């Protein structure tokens, strides 16, 4: 087998966040929090961003801590897939 025929595996980015919505079919909204240093005041500020994530089985619910990985475009806003559920929500 030649090297051209072997598929190249890419390292996809992965993020960890909290599920904030599961109202859609096969899609959840995950909020990822991170801390960035303010350029002028040098204070760390919490910044959050929401990602549309593909959840094929619909296994995650609101409040779950999940890991998501980058993927090919699945729809207009979905570019992430659910990798694992790290912690289920209590209740």
C-alpha atoms as a PDB file:
ATOM      1  CA  UNK A   1       0.000   0.000   0.000  1.00  0.00           C
ATOM      2  CA  UNK A   2       1.410   3.381  -0.944  1.00  0.00           C
ATOM      3  CA  UNK A   3       1.520   6.374   1.330  1.00  0.00           C
ATOM      4  CA  UNK A   4      -0.984   8.218  -0.890  1.00  0.00           C
ATOM      5  CA  UNK A   5      -3.625   5.554  -0.284  1.00  0.00           C
ATOM      6  CA  UNK A   6      -3.350   5.757   3.494  1.00  0.00           C
ATOM      7  CA  UNK A   7      -5.855   8.170   4.980  1.00  0.00           C
ATOM      8  CA  UNK A   8      -4.226  10.951   6.969  1.00  0.00           C
ATOM      9  CA  UNK A   9      -5.570  11.254  10.517  1.00  0.00           C
ATOM     10  CA  UNK A  10      -5.945  14.783  11.744  1.00  0.00           C
ATOM     11  CA  UNK A  11      -5.749  15.951  15.325  1.00  0.00           C
ATOM     12  CA  UNK A  12      -9.119  17.508  15.995  1.00  0.00           C
ATOM     13  CA  UNK A  13      -9.621  20.130  18.669  1.00  0.00           C
ATOM     14  CA  UNK A  14     -11.572  19.039  21.706  1.00  0.00           C
ATOM     15  CA  UNK A  15     -13.363  21.205  24.256  1.00  0.00           C
ATOM     16  CA  UNK A  16     -15.228  20.555  27.483  1.00  0.00           C
ATOM     17  CA  UNK A  17     -18.450  22.318  28.334  1.00  0.00           C
ATOM     18  CA  UNK A  18     -21.914  22.243  29.847  1.00  0.00           C
ATOM     19  CA  UNK A  19     -25.088  21.329  27.937  1.00  0.00           C
ATOM     20  CA  UNK A  20     -27.483  24.279  28.140  1.00  0.00           C
ATOM     21  CA  UNK A  21     -30.168  23.142  25.662  1.00  0.00           C
ATOM     22  CA  UNK A  22     -31.357  19.802  24.288  1.00  0.00           C
ATOM     23  CA  UNK A  23     -34.626  20.854  22.649  1.00  0.00           C
ATOM     24  CA  UNK A  24     -33.525  20.050  19.081  1.00  0.00           C
ATOM     25  CA  UNK A  25     -33.460  16.644  17.431  1.00  0.00           C
ATOM     26  CA  UNK A  26     -29.911  15.150  17.430  1.00  0.00           C
ATOM     27  CA  UNK A  27     -28.439  18.528  18.446  1.00  0.00           C
ATOM     28  CA  UNK A  28     -27.447  20.010  21.791  1.00  0.00           C
ATOM     29  CA  UNK A  29     -26.090  23.437  22.655  1.00  0.00           C
ATOM     30  CA  UNK A  30     -22.884  23.319  24.706  1.00  0.00           C
ATOM     31  CA  UNK A  31     -21.522  26.363  26.555  1.00  0.00           C
ATOM     32  CA  UNK A  32     -17.729  26.408  26.884  1.00  0.00           C
ATOM     33  CA  UNK A  33     -16.198  28.703  29.510  1.00  0.00           C
ATOM     34  CA  UNK A  34     -12.588  29.869  29.355  1.00  0.00           C
ATOM     35  CA  UNK A  35     -10.484  32.493  31.071  1.00  0.00           C
ATOM     36  CA  UNK A  36      -8.592  35.134  29.115  1.00  0.00           C
ATOM     37  CA  UNK A  37      -6.336  37.874  30.389  1.00  0.00           C
ATOM     38  CA  UNK A  38      -7.578  41.391  29.702  1.00  0.00           C
ATOM     39  CA  UNK A  39      -5.017  43.150  27.479  1.00  0.00           C
ATOM     40  CA  UNK A  40      -4.961  46.411  29.415  1.00  0.00           C
ATOM     41  CA  UNK A  41      -5.937  45.559  32.985  1.00  0.00           C
ATOM     42  CA  UNK A  42      -4.174  42.153  33.156  1.00  0.00           C
ATOM     43  CA  UNK A  43      -7.130  40.671  35.021  1.00  0.00           C
ATOM     44  CA  UNK A  44      -8.517  37.258  34.068  1.00  0.00           C
ATOM     45  CA  UNK A  45     -12.042  37.488  32.685  1.00  0.00           C
ATOM     46  CA  UNK A  46     -14.433  34.574  32.106  1.00  0.00           C
ATOM     47  CA  UNK A  47     -15.554  34.321  28.493  1.00  0.00           C
ATOM     48  CA  UNK A  48     -18.175  31.864  27.273  1.00  0.00           C
ATOM     49  CA  UNK A  49     -19.177  30.657  23.835  1.00  0.00           C
ATOM     50  CA  UNK A  50     -21.998  28.386  22.721  1.00  0.00           C
ATOM     51  CA  UNK A  51     -21.519  25.599  20.188  1.00  0.00           C
ATOM     52  CA  UNK A  52     -24.116  23.553  18.307  1.00  0.00           C
ATOM     53  CA  UNK A  53     -23.079  19.924  18.794  1.00  0.00           C
ATOM     54  CA  UNK A  54     -24.250  16.796  16.958  1.00  0.00           C
ATOM     55  CA  UNK A  55     -25.609  14.180  19.407  1.00  0.00           C
ATOM     56  CA  UNK A  56     -26.674  11.171  17.323  1.00  0.00           C
ATOM     57  CA  UNK A  57     -28.214   9.101  20.140  1.00  0.00           C
ATOM     58  CA  UNK A  58     -29.675  12.033  22.062  1.00  0.00           C
ATOM     59  CA  UNK A  59     -28.045  10.717  25.232  1.00  0.00           C
ATOM     60  CA  UNK A  60     -27.025  14.021  26.801  1.00  0.00           C
ATOM     61  CA  UNK A  61     -29.324  16.321  28.746  1.00  0.00           C
ATOM     62  CA  UNK A  62     -29.308  19.779  30.273  1.00  0.00           C
ATOM     63  CA  UNK A  63     -26.593  20.185  32.911  1.00  0.00           C
ATOM     64  CA  UNK A  64     -24.316  17.383  31.647  1.00  0.00           C
ATOM     65  CA  UNK A  65     -20.581  18.015  31.429  1.00  0.00           C
ATOM     66  CA  UNK A  66     -19.485  16.815  27.970  1.00  0.00           C
ATOM     67  CA  UNK A  67     -16.419  16.672  25.741  1.00  0.00           C
ATOM     68  CA  UNK A  68     -16.874  17.741  22.117  1.00  0.00           C
ATOM     69  CA  UNK A  69     -14.569  17.327  19.100  1.00  0.00           C
ATOM     70  CA  UNK A  70     -14.279  19.314  15.913  1.00  0.00           C
ATOM     71  CA  UNK A  71     -15.671  17.690  12.749  1.00  0.00           C
ATOM     72  CA  UNK A  72     -16.639  18.433   9.194  1.00  0.00           C
ATOM     73  CA  UNK A  73     -19.605  20.791   8.668  1.00  0.00           C
ATOM     74  CA  UNK A  74     -22.793  18.863   9.471  1.00  0.00           C
ATOM     75  CA  UNK A  75     -25.219  21.746   8.913  1.00  0.00           C
ATOM     76  CA  UNK A  76     -25.147  25.532   8.713  1.00  0.00           C
ATOM     77  CA  UNK A  77     -24.137  25.963  12.366  1.00  0.00           C
ATOM     78  CA  UNK A  78     -22.968  22.477  13.447  1.00  0.00           C
ATOM     79  CA  UNK A  79     -19.215  21.841  13.251  1.00  0.00           C
ATOM     80  CA  UNK A  80     -18.782  19.785  16.450  1.00  0.00           C
ATOM     81  CA  UNK A  81     -19.642  16.211  17.510  1.00  0.00           C
ATOM     82  CA  UNK A  82     -20.286  14.829  20.985  1.00  0.00           C
ATOM     83  CA  UNK A  83     -17.292  12.757  22.058  1.00  0.00           C
ATOM     84  CA  UNK A  84     -18.194  11.690  25.601  1.00  0.00           C
ATOM     85  CA  UNK A  85     -20.385  12.524  28.554  1.00  0.00           C
ATOM     86  CA  UNK A  86     -17.998  13.207  31.448  1.00  0.00           C
ATOM     87  CA  UNK A  87     -20.573  13.795  34.189  1.00  0.00           C
ATOM     88  CA  UNK A  88     -24.348  13.396  34.129  1.00  0.00           C
ATOM     89  CA  UNK A  89     -26.518  16.084  35.720  1.00  0.00           C
ATOM     90  CA  UNK A  90     -27.972  15.312  39.142  1.00  0.00           C
ATOM     91  CA  UNK A  91     -31.750  15.067  39.182  1.00  0.00           C
END
